[in-house]
Structure formats: structure tokens, C-alpha cells
Protein backbone atom coordinates (compact mmCIF):
# COMPACT_ATOMS: atom_id res chain seq x y z
CA MET A 1 102.77 114.89 48.25
CA ILE A 2 102.43 116.34 51.72
CA PRO A 3 101.21 113.89 54.38
CA LEU A 4 98.15 115.03 56.29
CA GLN A 5 98.46 115.43 60.03
CA ILE A 6 94.95 114.97 61.31
CA ASN A 7 94.34 115.52 65.02
CA LYS A 8 98.06 116.08 65.67
CA GLN A 9 98.58 116.50 69.40
CA PRO A 10 101.50 118.37 70.94
CA ASN A 11 104.18 116.16 72.44
CA PRO A 12 103.49 115.75 76.16
CA ALA A 13 105.95 117.06 78.75
CA LYS A 14 106.33 117.06 82.51
CA GLY A 15 103.73 119.43 83.97
CA ASP A 16 101.23 118.99 81.11
CA LEU A 17 97.70 117.73 81.56
CA LEU A 18 96.15 114.72 79.88
CA LEU A 19 92.40 114.88 79.39
CA SER A 20 90.73 111.60 78.51
CA GLU A 21 88.65 111.51 75.36
CA PRO A 22 84.90 111.58 76.18
CA PHE A 23 84.21 107.98 75.23
CA LEU A 24 87.25 106.31 76.77
CA MET A 25 85.63 103.21 78.23
CA ASP A 26 88.25 102.28 80.85
CA SER A 27 86.50 102.99 84.19
CA ASN A 28 89.80 104.13 85.74
CA PHE A 29 90.13 106.89 83.16
CA SER A 30 86.60 108.01 82.33
CA ARG A 31 86.68 111.81 82.07
CA VAL A 32 89.85 112.24 84.07
CA VAL A 33 92.47 114.97 84.17
CA ILE A 34 96.00 113.66 84.75
CA LEU A 35 98.94 115.83 85.71
CA LEU A 36 102.10 114.43 84.09
CA CYS A 37 104.75 114.31 86.81
CA GLU A 38 107.39 112.73 84.57
CA HIS A 39 107.67 112.02 80.85
CA ASN A 40 110.84 110.77 79.17
CA ASP A 41 112.13 108.00 76.88
CA GLU A 42 111.72 105.41 79.64
CA GLY A 43 108.03 106.13 80.21
CA SER A 44 105.53 108.43 81.85
CA PHE A 45 104.07 108.90 85.33
CA GLY A 46 101.07 110.98 86.36
CA LEU A 47 98.41 111.56 88.99
CA ILE A 48 94.66 111.88 88.40
CA LEU A 49 93.55 115.28 89.72
CA ASN A 50 89.78 114.95 89.63
CA ASN A 51 89.11 111.66 91.42
CA THR A 52 89.00 112.58 95.10
CA LEU A 53 88.14 109.78 97.49
CA GLU A 54 85.69 110.15 100.37
CA ILE A 55 88.49 109.77 102.93
CA GLU A 56 91.06 111.92 104.66
CA ILE A 57 94.75 111.19 105.09
CA THR A 58 94.40 110.31 108.79
CA SER A 59 92.18 107.34 107.89
CA VAL A 60 94.81 105.97 105.49
CA VAL A 61 98.10 106.55 107.31
CA ALA A 62 98.79 105.48 110.90
CA ASP A 63 100.72 107.84 113.16
CA PHE A 64 99.85 110.89 111.10
CA PRO A 65 99.29 114.41 112.48
CA GLU A 66 95.65 115.46 112.86
CA ALA A 67 94.80 117.10 109.57
CA LYS A 68 91.75 117.25 107.32
CA ILE A 69 93.59 116.73 104.07
CA PRO A 70 91.69 114.87 101.33
CA VAL A 71 93.14 111.94 99.42
CA GLY A 72 92.79 111.41 95.68
CA PHE A 73 92.93 108.29 93.57
CA GLY A 74 96.13 108.93 91.62
CA GLY A 75 95.69 105.91 89.37
CA PRO A 76 95.44 102.14 89.23
CA VAL A 77 99.19 101.40 89.58
CA GLU A 78 100.74 100.72 93.01
CA ARG A 79 97.58 101.42 95.01
CA ASN A 80 99.53 100.63 98.16
CA GLN A 81 101.74 103.72 97.69
CA LEU A 82 101.05 107.27 98.81
CA PHE A 83 102.18 110.25 96.72
CA TYR A 84 102.01 113.91 97.61
CA MET A 85 102.27 117.24 95.80
CA HIS A 86 103.01 120.52 97.50
CA GLN A 87 104.39 124.03 97.03
CA ASN A 88 107.41 123.84 99.37
CA LYS A 89 110.64 123.69 97.37
CA THR A 90 112.74 123.49 100.55
CA ILE A 91 111.60 119.94 101.38
CA SER A 92 114.55 117.58 100.98
CA GLY A 93 114.32 115.29 97.97
CA CYS A 94 111.28 116.85 96.33
CA VAL A 95 111.09 117.08 92.53
CA GLN A 96 109.77 120.12 90.68
CA ILE A 97 106.84 119.33 88.37
CA GLY A 98 105.80 122.81 87.35
CA ARG A 99 105.81 126.42 88.43
CA ASN A 100 105.67 126.34 92.25
CA LEU A 101 104.64 122.68 92.24
CA TYR A 102 106.67 119.83 93.74
CA LEU A 103 106.28 116.08 94.15
CA GLY A 104 107.35 114.02 97.16
CA GLY A 105 110.29 114.69 99.37
CA ASP A 106 111.24 113.80 102.91
CA TYR A 107 108.13 112.26 104.53
CA PRO A 108 109.06 113.02 108.19
CA GLU A 109 109.66 116.62 107.13
CA ILE A 110 106.19 116.75 105.53
CA LYS A 111 104.61 115.38 108.74
CA GLN A 112 106.44 117.98 110.84
CA LEU A 113 105.28 120.82 108.58
CA ILE A 114 101.70 119.53 108.87
CA SER A 115 102.02 119.37 112.68
CA ASN A 116 103.22 122.99 112.63
CA ASP A 117 100.29 124.01 110.36
CA GLU A 118 102.79 125.06 107.69
CA MET A 119 101.31 122.57 105.22
CA THR A 120 97.55 122.50 104.80
CA PRO A 121 94.98 121.49 102.14
CA GLU A 122 95.73 124.84 100.49
CA ASN A 123 99.27 123.72 99.58
CA LEU A 124 99.34 119.91 99.90
CA ARG A 125 97.54 116.99 98.21
CA PHE A 126 97.84 113.24 98.75
CA PHE A 127 97.15 110.50 96.20
CA ILE A 128 96.86 106.74 96.45
CA GLY A 129 98.41 105.03 93.43
CA TYR A 130 99.52 106.55 90.18
CA THR A 131 99.06 106.31 86.44
CA GLY A 132 101.97 105.00 84.42
CA TRP A 133 103.02 104.17 80.90
CA GLY A 134 106.03 102.26 79.58
CA SER A 135 108.37 103.58 76.90
CA GLY A 136 106.33 104.88 73.94
CA GLN A 137 103.01 103.68 75.40
CA LEU A 138 101.60 107.12 76.19
CA GLN A 139 102.46 108.45 72.73
CA ASN A 140 100.70 105.44 71.18
CA GLU A 141 97.58 106.18 73.23
CA ILE A 142 97.72 109.85 72.23
CA ASP A 143 98.05 108.83 68.56
CA GLU A 144 95.02 106.53 69.04
CA LEU A 145 93.11 109.61 70.29
CA SER A 146 92.64 108.36 73.85
CA TRP A 147 94.14 111.53 75.35
CA VAL A 148 94.13 115.25 74.68
CA VAL A 149 97.38 116.95 75.70
CA MET A 150 97.02 120.39 77.27
CA LYS A 151 99.46 122.83 78.82
CA ALA A 152 98.32 123.45 82.39
CA PRO A 153 96.55 126.82 82.54
CA GLU A 154 98.27 129.33 84.82
CA ASP A 155 95.06 129.81 86.81
CA LEU A 156 94.69 126.08 87.58
CA ASN A 157 95.04 125.46 91.30
CA ILE A 158 95.62 121.74 91.67
CA PHE A 159 95.10 121.99 95.42
CA ASN A 160 91.38 122.58 94.95
CA ALA A 161 90.91 120.80 91.60
CA PHE A 162 88.79 117.90 92.88
CA ASP A 163 85.62 118.99 91.15
CA ASP A 164 83.88 116.63 88.74
CA ASP A 165 83.55 119.57 86.35
CA LEU A 166 87.33 119.98 86.00
CA TRP A 167 87.52 117.70 82.95
CA ARG A 168 84.62 119.43 81.18
CA ASP A 169 85.87 122.94 81.99
CA LEU A 170 89.42 122.27 80.77
CA LEU A 171 88.25 120.52 77.59
CA ALA A 172 85.91 123.43 76.80
CA ARG A 173 88.81 125.88 77.16
CA LEU A 174 90.47 124.23 74.17
CA GLY A 175 87.58 125.45 72.00
CA GLY A 176 86.42 124.09 68.65
CA LYS A 177 85.52 120.41 68.59
CA TYR A 178 86.72 120.04 72.18
CA LYS A 179 84.17 122.59 73.40
CA LEU A 180 81.46 120.45 71.79
CA MET A 181 82.94 117.22 73.20
CA ALA A 182 82.94 118.69 76.72
CA ASP A 183 79.16 118.56 76.75
CA TYR A 184 78.75 115.04 75.34
CA PRO A 185 76.79 112.82 77.70
CA VAL A 186 78.71 109.99 79.38
CA ASN A 187 76.37 107.56 77.67
CA PRO A 188 75.49 108.72 74.12
CA ALA A 189 72.19 106.82 74.37
CA ASP A 190 71.15 109.37 77.03
CA ASN A 191 71.18 112.12 74.43
């Protein structure tokens, strides 16, 4: 006998996207798109791309250069920490997440580049908090159909991916049942 593999998802990897299933009831993860910044045997770490807050970085961080850079809600873990993604591989201590995409690095260096207008909203994003999973936890949630794993499309620009439609648009790109799910109402009773 051959075992059936129903709804088999690809194994997630650093740089992949996680799209929440349409009826995931956790308010932190309702219709979110998460960029996986790390995924290994010890656990997983990601940032929510489509939950931009109504604040700018200068209202969150004291002694910060004048800049109109939006801040996103990266996730419910460590909400007192600030994370940043950028496209500058020369920043000391940064970690590559994907093609021309880096996480963190030397904070004073980031501030100097912002002061010099070398880093702008076109190539820099800030996040408060992150999303994390312990060893095996993310795979269990994927197996329970809480997440859809997707390779990040080459045309995705995470520096302007704040739109509420990001989740729906990415899910629809997967086609088939996902295209149908993309249009499900948040509350099925509204249908």
C-alpha cells in the first residue's frame, strides 16, 4: 500500500513565506504573510510583512535621525525589540535572508546611513517584535494546515509590501484551491 500524502506542503526554508490559512483564529496571525528569516533544527524566526503600524521609526526610537520610515508589527514575541531588513550587504554583522535581502547588522552604521540618505524606505524596513517557533513547532503547525509555505516570488518587494491585499494576492498566485480561499470572507457568516 502507498500512503496518501494529502495537502503535503514543501519543507520551509530561510527566505520562504508563510501565508496563514484563511480561518486561522489567532488575532496575531489572521491573514498574515511571514518572511522566514531563519529555519533550522533549533526552531524558526520570522517577521510579519503585512501588518504595518500607524507609526514611524522616530516615534519609537529616541535619538534617531529624522526619517519617515514606517514600522511593522513583526510578531507577538519580544515586542520590546526592534528588527530591521535592508539591502546593504556591507553593513557589519548583517545576515543574508534572500537574494539582496539582509537582516540586522551594526545599528550605529544603520543610523549613519539613514542620516546620509543612503538608507530610505525604499531599501529599509523596521519591525517591532518577531514571530518564533521552537524545534519542530512550525512543521507541526504546517502539518495541521495552519500555514501555506510559498517560495517568495522574485517580483515581491518587501520594502513596499504593507498592503492588506498582500496575503490575498500571494495566496491567489498559488492557484487551485488557494485561489478560491483567497476570496473567502474573514467571517464565513458574512457570505
